[in-house]
Amino acid sequence: MFSISKEQRLFILFGLFISFLIAMNVLGGKIIPLGPFSTSVAFLIVPWSFLVTDIVEEVYGKGKAREMIVAGVVALIVFLSFILLFVALPPASRFKQNEEYNVIFGTSARIVFASITAFLLSQFHDMWSFWKLRSLTKKRFLWFRTNVSTIFSMVIDTFVFMFLAFYMLTPMFTFWFVIQMIIPYLIFKMVWGVASTPLVYLGANWLRCGRKE
């Protein structure tokens, strides 16, 4: 019977983590209505990136979680650098969809910088706070540790990205305007993150039961 080793399960989580990072940057531009509010579809992805970090840290420790974050940073820098390069390259005469291509993939150096900075600060905070809480709770209350570390990390991620990317981008993007953009997006991310708590238990148990070959 086909079996997946513990190491292979870890590689799968690494892959999921990097796919979440790329997805939130490529697909997050779509805005959807949720009741009286509008928010980016990225609110469905961002919390899961922190949950994956928590799963790996719970089973393998802080060192392995740090390796995953570093791998994510490298992947994100390479991916966003290719976007900037490919959008800047002149199109061939037979390529008639360059305008659509630029609309979909176009991004500014400022947004790239904001995305990478927010990711670094929030993910390392999540790793540090989860490990600190793990020590304080004597490895108990996984639901508490993952929610507290994830919620505070999402606050850092959202505020850092929004202000670095949009504050005073045009006269319309004042301090309070950016705050109004942040609040509903952050609330939806928090609610979805808490609702996804069972995935941490499932993921940690799944990672632990992998057999070494």
N, C-alpha and C. Protein backbone atom coordinates (compact mmCIF):
# COMPACT_ATOMS: atom_id res chain seq x y z
N MET A 1 0.85 -1.20 0.00
CA MET A 1 0.00 0.00 0.00
C MET A 1 0.88 1.25 0.00
N PHE A 2 0.47 2.20 -0.77
CA PHE A 2 1.23 3.45 -0.85
C PHE A 2 1.14 4.21 0.46
N SER A 3 2.28 4.65 0.97
CA SER A 3 2.30 5.41 2.21
C SER A 3 3.16 6.65 2.04
N ILE A 4 2.87 7.65 2.81
CA ILE A 4 3.60 8.90 2.76
C ILE A 4 4.41 9.04 4.04
N SER A 5 5.70 9.22 3.92
CA SER A 5 6.55 9.34 5.09
C SER A 5 6.34 10.70 5.75
N LYS A 6 6.85 10.81 6.96
CA LYS A 6 6.75 12.07 7.70
C LYS A 6 7.47 13.19 6.96
N GLU A 7 8.60 12.87 6.37
CA GLU A 7 9.36 13.86 5.60
C GLU A 7 8.58 14.33 4.39
N GLN A 8 7.93 13.41 3.70
CA GLN A 8 7.13 13.77 2.53
C GLN A 8 5.95 14.65 2.91
N ARG A 9 5.36 14.38 4.06
CA ARG A 9 4.25 15.21 4.53
C ARG A 9 4.72 16.63 4.81
N LEU A 10 5.92 16.73 5.35
CA LEU A 10 6.50 18.05 5.59
C LEU A 10 6.71 18.79 4.28
N PHE A 11 7.20 18.09 3.25
CA PHE A 11 7.41 18.72 1.94
C PHE A 11 6.08 19.20 1.35
N ILE A 12 5.02 18.43 1.58
CA ILE A 12 3.70 18.83 1.09
C ILE A 12 3.27 20.14 1.75
N LEU A 13 3.51 20.25 3.05
CA LEU A 13 3.15 21.49 3.76
C LEU A 13 4.00 22.67 3.28
N PHE A 14 5.28 22.41 2.99
CA PHE A 14 6.13 23.46 2.43
C PHE A 14 5.53 23.95 1.10
N GLY A 15 5.12 22.99 0.27
CA GLY A 15 4.53 23.35 -1.02
C GLY A 15 3.23 24.13 -0.87
N LEU A 16 2.38 23.69 0.07
CA LEU A 16 1.14 24.42 0.32
C LEU A 16 1.42 25.84 0.79
N PHE A 17 2.39 25.98 1.67
CA PHE A 17 2.74 27.30 2.20
C PHE A 17 3.15 28.25 1.09
N ILE A 18 4.02 27.79 0.20
CA ILE A 18 4.47 28.65 -0.89
C ILE A 18 3.34 28.91 -1.88
N SER A 19 2.48 27.92 -2.11
CA SER A 19 1.34 28.15 -3.02
C SER A 19 0.38 29.19 -2.44
N PHE A 20 0.21 29.20 -1.12
CA PHE A 20 -0.64 30.21 -0.49
C PHE A 20 -0.06 31.61 -0.70
N LEU A 21 1.26 31.74 -0.57
CA LEU A 21 1.91 33.04 -0.75
C LEU A 21 1.71 33.56 -2.16
N ILE A 22 1.91 32.67 -3.14
CA ILE A 22 1.75 33.09 -4.53
C ILE A 22 0.29 33.40 -4.84
N ALA A 23 -0.62 32.57 -4.33
CA ALA A 23 -2.04 32.77 -4.60
C ALA A 23 -2.55 34.09 -4.04
N MET A 24 -2.13 34.43 -2.83
CA MET A 24 -2.65 35.67 -2.24
C MET A 24 -2.14 36.90 -2.99
N ASN A 25 -0.96 36.77 -3.61
CA ASN A 25 -0.42 37.90 -4.36
C ASN A 25 -0.99 38.00 -5.78
N VAL A 26 -1.30 36.84 -6.38
CA VAL A 26 -1.83 36.86 -7.75
C VAL A 26 -3.34 37.03 -7.77
N LEU A 27 -4.03 36.34 -6.87
CA LEU A 27 -5.49 36.30 -6.90
C LEU A 27 -6.15 37.32 -5.97
N GLY A 28 -5.37 37.90 -5.07
CA GLY A 28 -5.95 38.77 -4.05
C GLY A 28 -6.52 40.08 -4.55
N GLY A 29 -6.31 40.40 -5.83
CA GLY A 29 -6.82 41.67 -6.35
C GLY A 29 -8.33 41.68 -6.55
N LYS A 30 -8.96 40.52 -6.53
CA LYS A 30 -10.42 40.49 -6.73
C LYS A 30 -11.14 40.87 -5.44
N ILE A 31 -12.10 41.77 -5.56
CA ILE A 31 -12.89 42.23 -4.43
C ILE A 31 -14.29 41.63 -4.53
N ILE A 32 -14.75 41.06 -3.43
CA ILE A 32 -16.08 40.44 -3.41
C ILE A 32 -16.94 41.08 -2.33
N PRO A 33 -18.27 41.06 -2.50
CA PRO A 33 -19.15 41.61 -1.46
C PRO A 33 -19.42 40.56 -0.38
N LEU A 34 -19.40 40.99 0.86
CA LEU A 34 -19.80 40.17 1.99
C LEU A 34 -20.72 41.00 2.87
N GLY A 35 -22.00 40.81 2.68
CA GLY A 35 -22.97 41.66 3.38
C GLY A 35 -22.83 43.09 2.90
N PRO A 36 -22.77 44.05 3.84
CA PRO A 36 -22.63 45.45 3.43
C PRO A 36 -21.18 45.84 3.13
N PHE A 37 -20.24 44.89 3.25
CA PHE A 37 -18.83 45.20 3.08
C PHE A 37 -18.29 44.60 1.80
N SER A 38 -17.13 45.09 1.41
CA SER A 38 -16.39 44.51 0.29
C SER A 38 -14.99 44.17 0.79
N THR A 39 -14.47 43.04 0.33
CA THR A 39 -13.14 42.64 0.79
C THR A 39 -12.43 41.80 -0.26
N SER A 40 -11.12 41.73 -0.15
CA SER A 40 -10.32 40.93 -1.07
C SER A 40 -10.53 39.45 -0.79
N VAL A 41 -10.51 38.66 -1.87
CA VAL A 41 -10.64 37.21 -1.71
C VAL A 41 -9.45 36.63 -0.95
N ALA A 42 -8.39 37.41 -0.79
CA ALA A 42 -7.19 36.92 -0.09
C ALA A 42 -7.46 36.61 1.37
N PHE A 43 -8.59 37.12 1.92
CA PHE A 43 -8.88 36.84 3.33
C PHE A 43 -9.08 35.33 3.56
N LEU A 44 -9.39 34.59 2.49
CA LEU A 44 -9.56 33.15 2.61
C LEU A 44 -8.23 32.40 2.63
N ILE A 45 -7.17 33.06 2.17
CA ILE A 45 -5.87 32.41 2.04
C ILE A 45 -4.91 32.79 3.16
N VAL A 46 -4.87 34.08 3.50
CA VAL A 46 -3.87 34.59 4.45
C VAL A 46 -3.85 33.82 5.76
N PRO A 47 -5.00 33.58 6.42
CA PRO A 47 -4.95 32.86 7.70
C PRO A 47 -4.33 31.47 7.57
N TRP A 48 -4.56 30.81 6.45
CA TRP A 48 -4.04 29.45 6.28
C TRP A 48 -2.52 29.43 6.19
N SER A 49 -1.91 30.52 5.71
CA SER A 49 -0.45 30.57 5.67
C SER A 49 0.12 30.54 7.09
N PHE A 50 -0.56 31.21 8.01
CA PHE A 50 -0.11 31.20 9.41
C PHE A 50 -0.40 29.85 10.06
N LEU A 51 -1.52 29.24 9.69
CA LEU A 51 -1.86 27.94 10.27
C LEU A 51 -0.84 26.87 9.87
N VAL A 52 -0.37 26.92 8.63
CA VAL A 52 0.64 25.96 8.19
C VAL A 52 1.93 26.14 8.99
N THR A 53 2.31 27.40 9.21
CA THR A 53 3.49 27.67 10.04
C THR A 53 3.33 27.08 11.42
N ASP A 54 2.14 27.24 12.01
CA ASP A 54 1.88 26.72 13.35
C ASP A 54 1.93 25.19 13.38
N ILE A 55 1.40 24.55 12.35
CA ILE A 55 1.42 23.08 12.29
C ILE A 55 2.86 22.57 12.27
N VAL A 56 3.68 23.15 11.41
CA VAL A 56 5.07 22.71 11.30
C VAL A 56 5.82 22.99 12.60
N GLU A 57 5.58 24.14 13.18
CA GLU A 57 6.28 24.49 14.42
C GLU A 57 5.84 23.60 15.58
N GLU A 58 4.57 23.23 15.61
CA GLU A 58 4.06 22.37 16.67
C GLU A 58 4.72 20.99 16.64
N VAL A 59 4.95 20.47 15.44
CA VAL A 59 5.49 19.12 15.30
C VAL A 59 7.01 19.10 15.22
N TYR A 60 7.59 20.05 14.47
CA TYR A 60 9.03 20.03 14.21
C TYR A 60 9.83 21.07 15.00
N GLY A 61 9.15 22.06 15.57
CA GLY A 61 9.87 23.07 16.32
C GLY A 61 10.12 24.34 15.53
N LYS A 62 10.68 25.33 16.24
CA LYS A 62 10.86 26.65 15.67
C LYS A 62 11.86 26.68 14.51
N GLY A 63 12.89 25.84 14.58
CA GLY A 63 13.90 25.84 13.53
C GLY A 63 13.33 25.48 12.17
N LYS A 64 12.50 24.46 12.13
CA LYS A 64 11.91 24.04 10.86
C LYS A 64 10.92 25.07 10.35
N ALA A 65 10.18 25.70 11.25
CA ALA A 65 9.25 26.76 10.84
C ALA A 65 10.02 27.94 10.24
N ARG A 66 11.18 28.24 10.83
CA ARG A 66 12.01 29.32 10.30
C ARG A 66 12.50 28.98 8.89
N GLU A 67 12.88 27.73 8.68
CA GLU A 67 13.32 27.32 7.35
C GLU A 67 12.21 27.49 6.32
N MET A 68 10.98 27.17 6.71
CA MET A 68 9.86 27.30 5.80
C MET A 68 9.60 28.77 5.46
N ILE A 69 9.70 29.63 6.46
CA ILE A 69 9.48 31.07 6.22
C ILE A 69 10.55 31.61 5.29
N VAL A 70 11.81 31.22 5.50
CA VAL A 70 12.90 31.68 4.63
C VAL A 70 12.66 31.19 3.20
N ALA A 71 12.24 29.93 3.06
CA ALA A 71 11.93 29.40 1.73
C ALA A 71 10.80 30.20 1.09
N GLY A 72 9.81 30.57 1.89
CA GLY A 72 8.71 31.38 1.39
C GLY A 72 9.16 32.75 0.94
N VAL A 73 10.06 33.37 1.70
CA VAL A 73 10.58 34.69 1.34
C VAL A 73 11.32 34.62 0.01
N VAL A 74 12.17 33.62 -0.14
CA VAL A 74 12.92 33.46 -1.39
C VAL A 74 11.96 33.26 -2.57
N ALA A 75 10.97 32.37 -2.38
CA ALA A 75 10.00 32.12 -3.46
C ALA A 75 9.22 33.38 -3.81
N LEU A 76 8.83 34.14 -2.78
CA LEU A 76 8.06 35.35 -3.01
C LEU A 76 8.88 36.41 -3.75
N ILE A 77 10.15 36.58 -3.35
CA ILE A 77 11.02 37.55 -4.01
C ILE A 77 11.23 37.17 -5.48
N VAL A 78 11.52 35.89 -5.72
CA VAL A 78 11.75 35.44 -7.10
C VAL A 78 10.48 35.61 -7.93
N PHE A 79 9.35 35.20 -7.39
CA PHE A 79 8.09 35.27 -8.12
C PHE A 79 7.72 36.71 -8.46
N LEU A 80 7.78 37.60 -7.47
CA LEU A 80 7.40 39.00 -7.71
C LEU A 80 8.41 39.70 -8.61
N SER A 81 9.67 39.30 -8.55
CA SER A 81 10.68 39.87 -9.45
C SER A 81 10.39 39.50 -10.90
N PHE A 82 9.98 38.24 -11.12
CA PHE A 82 9.61 37.83 -12.47
C PHE A 82 8.40 38.61 -12.98
N ILE A 83 7.44 38.87 -12.09
CA ILE A 83 6.27 39.65 -12.49
C ILE A 83 6.69 41.03 -12.97
N LEU A 84 7.52 41.71 -12.18
CA LEU A 84 7.98 43.05 -12.56
C LEU A 84 8.73 43.01 -13.89
N LEU A 85 9.58 42.00 -14.08
CA LEU A 85 10.36 41.89 -15.30
C LEU A 85 9.48 41.61 -16.50
N PHE A 86 8.58 40.63 -16.39
CA PHE A 86 7.78 40.23 -17.54
C PHE A 86 6.78 41.30 -17.96
N VAL A 87 6.26 42.04 -16.99
CA VAL A 87 5.36 43.14 -17.33
C VAL A 87 6.11 44.26 -18.05
N ALA A 88 7.37 44.47 -17.65
CA ALA A 88 8.16 45.55 -18.26
C ALA A 88 8.66 45.20 -19.66
N LEU A 89 8.82 43.91 -19.96
CA LEU A 89 9.33 43.53 -21.28
C LEU A 89 8.35 43.92 -22.39
N PRO A 90 8.85 44.43 -23.51
CA PRO A 90 7.95 44.80 -24.61
C PRO A 90 7.35 43.56 -25.25
N PRO A 91 6.08 43.62 -25.64
CA PRO A 91 5.43 42.44 -26.25
C PRO A 91 5.77 42.30 -27.73
N ALA A 92 5.68 41.08 -28.23
CA ALA A 92 5.82 40.84 -29.66
C ALA A 92 4.59 41.39 -30.38
N SER A 93 4.75 41.70 -31.65
CA SER A 93 3.64 42.30 -32.40
C SER A 93 2.44 41.36 -32.49
N ARG A 94 2.66 40.06 -32.48
CA ARG A 94 1.56 39.11 -32.59
C ARG A 94 0.85 38.87 -31.26
N PHE A 95 1.45 39.36 -30.17
CA PHE A 95 0.82 39.18 -28.85
C PHE A 95 -0.13 40.35 -28.63
N LYS A 96 -1.42 40.10 -28.76
CA LYS A 96 -2.43 41.17 -28.71
C LYS A 96 -3.04 41.34 -27.32
N GLN A 97 -2.63 40.54 -26.39
CA GLN A 97 -3.26 40.60 -25.06
C GLN A 97 -2.36 41.25 -24.02
N ASN A 98 -1.41 42.09 -24.46
CA ASN A 98 -0.46 42.66 -23.50
C ASN A 98 -1.15 43.55 -22.47
N GLU A 99 -2.15 44.30 -22.90
CA GLU A 99 -2.86 45.18 -21.96
C GLU A 99 -3.57 44.35 -20.88
N GLU A 100 -4.24 43.28 -21.31
CA GLU A 100 -4.91 42.40 -20.35
C GLU A 100 -3.89 41.72 -19.43
N TYR A 101 -2.75 41.33 -20.02
CA TYR A 101 -1.68 40.70 -19.23
C TYR A 101 -1.20 41.64 -18.13
N ASN A 102 -1.00 42.90 -18.49
CA ASN A 102 -0.52 43.89 -17.53
C ASN A 102 -1.57 44.19 -16.46
N VAL A 103 -2.84 44.18 -16.84
CA VAL A 103 -3.90 44.42 -15.86
C VAL A 103 -3.93 43.31 -14.82
N ILE A 104 -3.77 42.07 -15.29
CA ILE A 104 -3.83 40.92 -14.38
C ILE A 104 -2.59 40.83 -13.51
N PHE A 105 -1.42 40.97 -14.14
CA PHE A 105 -0.18 40.71 -13.40
C PHE A 105 0.58 41.98 -13.02
N GLY A 106 0.13 43.10 -13.54
CA GLY A 106 0.85 44.33 -13.25
C GLY A 106 0.84 44.70 -11.77
N THR A 107 1.97 45.08 -11.26
CA THR A 107 2.08 45.53 -9.88
C THR A 107 3.25 46.49 -9.81
N SER A 108 3.26 47.28 -8.79
CA SER A 108 4.33 48.27 -8.65
C SER A 108 5.41 47.76 -7.71
N ALA A 109 6.59 48.38 -7.82
CA ALA A 109 7.68 48.02 -6.91
C ALA A 109 7.29 48.31 -5.46
N ARG A 110 6.46 49.33 -5.27
CA ARG A 110 6.02 49.67 -3.92
C ARG A 110 5.17 48.55 -3.32
N ILE A 111 4.26 47.99 -4.09
CA ILE A 111 3.42 46.90 -3.60
C ILE A 111 4.24 45.64 -3.36
N VAL A 112 5.22 45.39 -4.23
CA VAL A 112 6.11 44.24 -4.03
C VAL A 112 6.86 44.39 -2.72
N PHE A 113 7.41 45.57 -2.48
CA PHE A 113 8.13 45.84 -1.23
C PHE A 113 7.21 45.68 -0.03
N ALA A 114 5.99 46.20 -0.14
CA ALA A 114 5.02 46.11 0.96
C ALA A 114 4.66 44.66 1.25
N SER A 115 4.47 43.87 0.20
CA SER A 115 4.09 42.48 0.37
C SER A 115 5.18 41.67 1.06
N ILE A 116 6.42 41.85 0.62
CA ILE A 116 7.53 41.09 1.20
C ILE A 116 7.79 41.52 2.64
N THR A 117 7.73 42.83 2.90
CA THR A 117 7.97 43.33 4.26
C THR A 117 6.89 42.84 5.22
N ALA A 118 5.64 42.93 4.81
CA ALA A 118 4.53 42.48 5.65
C ALA A 118 4.63 40.98 5.93
N PHE A 119 5.00 40.24 4.90
CA PHE A 119 5.15 38.79 5.07
C PHE A 119 6.24 38.46 6.09
N LEU A 120 7.39 39.10 5.94
CA LEU A 120 8.51 38.83 6.85
C LEU A 120 8.15 39.13 8.30
N LEU A 121 7.65 40.33 8.54
CA LEU A 121 7.34 40.75 9.90
C LEU A 121 6.26 39.88 10.53
N SER A 122 5.20 39.61 9.78
CA SER A 122 4.07 38.88 10.35
C SER A 122 4.39 37.40 10.57
N GLN A 123 5.11 36.78 9.64
CA GLN A 123 5.41 35.36 9.77
C GLN A 123 6.42 35.11 10.90
N PHE A 124 7.41 35.96 11.02
CA PHE A 124 8.37 35.77 12.11
C PHE A 124 7.73 36.08 13.45
N HIS A 125 6.79 37.02 13.48
CA HIS A 125 6.06 37.26 14.72
C HIS A 125 5.22 36.05 15.07
N ASP A 126 4.56 35.46 14.07
CA ASP A 126 3.73 34.28 14.32
C ASP A 126 4.58 33.14 14.88
N MET A 127 5.75 32.94 14.29
CA MET A 127 6.63 31.88 14.76
C MET A 127 7.07 32.13 16.20
N TRP A 128 7.48 33.37 16.48
CA TRP A 128 7.96 33.70 17.83
C TRP A 128 6.84 33.60 18.87
N SER A 129 5.67 34.18 18.57
CA SER A 129 4.58 34.20 19.55
C SER A 129 4.01 32.80 19.79
N PHE A 130 3.91 32.00 18.73
CA PHE A 130 3.41 30.63 18.90
C PHE A 130 4.34 29.84 19.80
N TRP A 131 5.65 29.97 19.59
CA TRP A 131 6.62 29.22 20.40
C TRP A 131 6.62 29.71 21.84
N LYS A 132 6.48 31.02 22.03
CA LYS A 132 6.44 31.58 23.38
C LYS A 132 5.21 31.07 24.12
N LEU A 133 4.07 31.08 23.47
CA LEU A 133 2.84 30.58 24.09
C LEU A 133 2.92 29.08 24.33
N ARG A 134 3.60 28.37 23.46
CA ARG A 134 3.77 26.93 23.64
C ARG A 134 4.52 26.63 24.92
N SER A 135 5.52 27.47 25.20
CA SER A 135 6.29 27.30 26.43
C SER A 135 5.46 27.68 27.66
N LEU A 136 4.73 28.79 27.56
CA LEU A 136 3.94 29.27 28.70
C LEU A 136 2.80 28.32 29.05
N THR A 137 2.23 27.68 28.05
CA THR A 137 1.10 26.76 28.29
C THR A 137 1.55 25.31 28.46
N LYS A 138 2.89 25.10 28.47
CA LYS A 138 3.44 23.74 28.62
C LYS A 138 2.89 22.79 27.55
N LYS A 139 2.88 23.29 26.32
CA LYS A 139 2.48 22.54 25.13
C LYS A 139 0.99 22.19 25.09
N ARG A 140 0.19 22.81 25.93
CA ARG A 140 -1.25 22.55 25.93
C ARG A 140 -1.97 23.67 25.17
N PHE A 141 -3.27 23.48 25.00
CA PHE A 141 -4.16 24.50 24.43
C PHE A 141 -3.70 24.97 23.04
N LEU A 142 -3.56 24.02 22.14
CA LEU A 142 -3.14 24.34 20.78
C LEU A 142 -4.08 25.35 20.14
N TRP A 143 -5.38 25.20 20.38
CA TRP A 143 -6.36 26.12 19.80
C TRP A 143 -6.10 27.56 20.26
N PHE A 144 -5.71 27.72 21.51
CA PHE A 144 -5.43 29.06 22.06
C PHE A 144 -4.16 29.64 21.45
N ARG A 145 -3.13 28.81 21.38
CA ARG A 145 -1.85 29.28 20.86
C ARG A 145 -1.94 29.71 19.40
N THR A 146 -2.58 28.86 18.62
CA THR A 146 -2.64 29.16 17.19
C THR A 146 -3.52 30.37 16.89
N ASN A 147 -4.62 30.54 17.63
CA ASN A 147 -5.49 31.69 17.39
C ASN A 147 -4.86 33.00 17.84
N VAL A 148 -4.25 33.01 19.01
CA VAL A 148 -3.63 34.25 19.50
C VAL A 148 -2.48 34.66 18.59
N SER A 149 -1.59 33.72 18.28
CA SER A 149 -0.45 34.07 17.43
C SER A 149 -0.89 34.48 16.03
N THR A 150 -1.89 33.79 15.49
CA THR A 150 -2.36 34.11 14.14
C THR A 150 -3.07 35.45 14.07
N ILE A 151 -3.92 35.74 15.05
CA ILE A 151 -4.67 36.99 15.03
C ILE A 151 -3.73 38.19 15.11
N PHE A 152 -2.79 38.17 16.05
CA PHE A 152 -1.86 39.29 16.17
C PHE A 152 -0.96 39.40 14.94
N SER A 153 -0.59 38.27 14.37
CA SER A 153 0.25 38.29 13.17
C SER A 153 -0.51 38.85 11.98
N MET A 154 -1.81 38.54 11.88
CA MET A 154 -2.61 39.08 10.79
C MET A 154 -2.81 40.59 10.94
N VAL A 155 -2.88 41.07 12.18
CA VAL A 155 -2.95 42.52 12.41
C VAL A 155 -1.68 43.18 11.86
N ILE A 156 -0.52 42.61 12.18
CA ILE A 156 0.74 43.15 11.68
C ILE A 156 0.79 43.10 10.17
N ASP A 157 0.44 41.95 9.61
CA ASP A 157 0.47 41.76 8.15
C ASP A 157 -0.42 42.78 7.44
N THR A 158 -1.63 42.95 7.94
CA THR A 158 -2.60 43.84 7.27
C THR A 158 -2.19 45.29 7.37
N PHE A 159 -1.84 45.75 8.56
CA PHE A 159 -1.47 47.16 8.74
C PHE A 159 -0.20 47.51 7.97
N VAL A 160 0.82 46.65 8.07
CA VAL A 160 2.08 46.94 7.38
C VAL A 160 1.87 46.98 5.87
N PHE A 161 1.17 45.97 5.34
CA PHE A 161 0.97 45.94 3.88
C PHE A 161 0.15 47.13 3.40
N MET A 162 -0.99 47.37 4.04
CA MET A 162 -1.89 48.42 3.58
C MET A 162 -1.23 49.80 3.61
N PHE A 163 -0.51 50.09 4.68
CA PHE A 163 0.10 51.42 4.78
C PHE A 163 1.31 51.56 3.87
N LEU A 164 2.14 50.53 3.77
CA LEU A 164 3.28 50.62 2.86
C LEU A 164 2.83 50.67 1.40
N ALA A 165 1.76 49.95 1.08
CA ALA A 165 1.32 49.86 -0.32
C ALA A 165 0.47 51.05 -0.76
N PHE A 166 -0.38 51.57 0.15
CA PHE A 166 -1.40 52.52 -0.31
C PHE A 166 -1.38 53.89 0.36
N TYR A 167 -0.77 54.04 1.51
CA TYR A 167 -0.85 55.33 2.22
C TYR A 167 -0.25 56.44 1.35
N MET A 168 -1.06 57.45 1.09
CA MET A 168 -0.70 58.61 0.28
C MET A 168 -0.28 58.23 -1.14
N LEU A 169 -0.76 57.10 -1.62
CA LEU A 169 -0.52 56.72 -3.00
C LEU A 169 -1.12 57.77 -3.93
N THR A 170 -2.31 58.23 -3.56
CA THR A 170 -2.96 59.40 -4.15
C THR A 170 -3.52 60.20 -2.98
N PRO A 171 -3.93 61.45 -3.20
CA PRO A 171 -4.49 62.23 -2.09
C PRO A 171 -5.68 61.56 -1.41
N MET A 172 -6.36 60.65 -2.09
CA MET A 172 -7.51 59.97 -1.51
C MET A 172 -7.11 59.02 -0.38
N PHE A 173 -5.89 58.46 -0.48
CA PHE A 173 -5.46 57.44 0.48
C PHE A 173 -4.87 58.07 1.73
N THR A 174 -5.73 58.73 2.48
CA THR A 174 -5.33 59.32 3.74
C THR A 174 -5.23 58.24 4.82
N PHE A 175 -4.78 58.62 6.00
CA PHE A 175 -4.64 57.68 7.10
C PHE A 175 -5.97 57.00 7.39
N TRP A 176 -7.04 57.78 7.54
CA TRP A 176 -8.34 57.21 7.91
C TRP A 176 -8.97 56.43 6.78
N PHE A 177 -8.67 56.80 5.55
CA PHE A 177 -9.18 56.03 4.42
C PHE A 177 -8.55 54.63 4.40
N VAL A 178 -7.25 54.55 4.67
CA VAL A 178 -6.58 53.26 4.73
C VAL A 178 -7.12 52.43 5.89
N ILE A 179 -7.39 53.08 7.02
CA ILE A 179 -7.97 52.38 8.16
C ILE A 179 -9.33 51.79 7.79
N GLN A 180 -10.12 52.53 7.04
CA GLN A 180 -11.43 52.03 6.61
C GLN A 180 -11.29 50.85 5.67
N MET A 181 -10.22 50.80 4.90
CA MET A 181 -9.95 49.64 4.05
C MET A 181 -9.54 48.44 4.89
N ILE A 182 -8.81 48.69 5.95
CA ILE A 182 -8.24 47.62 6.76
C ILE A 182 -9.31 46.90 7.58
N ILE A 183 -10.19 47.64 8.23
CA ILE A 183 -11.08 47.07 9.25
C ILE A 183 -11.90 45.88 8.75
N PRO A 184 -12.71 46.02 7.68
CA PRO A 184 -13.50 44.85 7.26
C PRO A 184 -12.64 43.69 6.79
N TYR A 185 -11.55 43.99 6.09
CA TYR A 185 -10.65 42.94 5.60
C TYR A 185 -10.05 42.17 6.77
N LEU A 186 -9.63 42.90 7.80
CA LEU A 186 -9.01 42.26 8.96
C LEU A 186 -10.03 41.43 9.75
N ILE A 187 -11.24 41.94 9.88
CA ILE A 187 -12.28 41.20 10.61
C ILE A 187 -12.59 39.88 9.92
N PHE A 188 -12.74 39.92 8.59
CA PHE A 188 -13.03 38.69 7.86
C PHE A 188 -11.88 37.69 7.97
N LYS A 189 -10.64 38.18 7.94
CA LYS A 189 -9.50 37.29 8.09
C LYS A 189 -9.50 36.64 9.46
N MET A 190 -9.81 37.42 10.49
CA MET A 190 -9.83 36.88 11.86
C MET A 190 -10.90 35.81 12.02
N VAL A 191 -12.09 36.12 11.52
CA VAL A 191 -13.20 35.17 11.64
C VAL A 191 -12.87 33.87 10.91
N TRP A 192 -12.35 33.99 9.70
CA TRP A 192 -12.01 32.80 8.93
C TRP A 192 -10.86 32.03 9.58
N GLY A 193 -9.91 32.76 10.16
CA GLY A 193 -8.80 32.11 10.84
C GLY A 193 -9.26 31.29 12.03
N VAL A 194 -10.16 31.86 12.84
CA VAL A 194 -10.70 31.14 14.00
C VAL A 194 -11.51 29.93 13.54
N ALA A 195 -12.32 30.12 12.50
CA ALA A 195 -13.15 29.02 11.98
C ALA A 195 -12.29 27.87 11.44
N SER A 196 -11.06 28.19 11.04
CA SER A 196 -10.17 27.18 10.47
C SER A 196 -9.33 26.45 11.52
N THR A 197 -9.55 26.75 12.80
CA THR A 197 -8.77 26.13 13.88
C THR A 197 -8.72 24.61 13.80
N PRO A 198 -9.83 23.91 13.50
CA PRO A 198 -9.75 22.44 13.41
C PRO A 198 -8.71 21.94 12.43
N LEU A 199 -8.39 22.74 11.41
CA LEU A 199 -7.39 22.33 10.43
C LEU A 199 -6.01 22.20 11.06
N VAL A 200 -5.75 22.99 12.11
CA VAL A 200 -4.45 22.89 12.79
C VAL A 200 -4.32 21.54 13.48
N TYR A 201 -5.38 21.12 14.16
CA TYR A 201 -5.37 19.81 14.81
C TYR A 201 -5.24 18.69 13.79
N LEU A 202 -6.01 18.79 12.71
CA LEU A 202 -5.95 17.77 11.67
C LEU A 202 -4.56 17.72 11.03
N GLY A 203 -4.02 18.92 10.74
CA GLY A 203 -2.71 18.99 10.11
C GLY A 203 -1.60 18.48 11.00
N ALA A 204 -1.63 18.85 12.28
CA ALA A 204 -0.59 18.40 13.21
C ALA A 204 -0.65 16.88 13.41
N ASN A 205 -1.85 16.33 13.55
CA ASN A 205 -1.99 14.88 13.70
C ASN A 205 -1.55 14.14 12.44
N TRP A 206 -1.90 14.70 11.30
CA TRP A 206 -1.51 14.10 10.02
C TRP A 206 0.01 14.10 9.86
N LEU A 207 0.66 15.20 10.27
CA LEU A 207 2.11 15.30 10.15
C LEU A 207 2.81 14.36 11.12
N ARG A 208 2.26 14.21 12.31
CA ARG A 208 2.87 13.34 13.33
C ARG A 208 2.80 11.86 12.94
N CYS A 209 1.71 11.48 12.27
CA CYS A 209 1.51 10.05 12.01
C CYS A 209 2.24 9.57 10.78
N GLY A 210 2.94 10.47 10.08
CA GLY A 210 3.71 10.03 8.92
C GLY A 210 4.82 9.07 9.34
N ARG A 211 4.94 7.98 8.64
CA ARG A 211 5.94 6.96 8.99
C ARG A 211 7.25 7.22 8.28
N LYS A 212 8.34 7.08 8.99
CA LYS A 212 9.64 7.22 8.36
C LYS A 212 9.97 5.95 7.59
N GLU A 213 10.53 6.15 6.44
CA GLU A 213 10.84 4.98 5.61
C GLU A 213 12.29 4.58 5.79
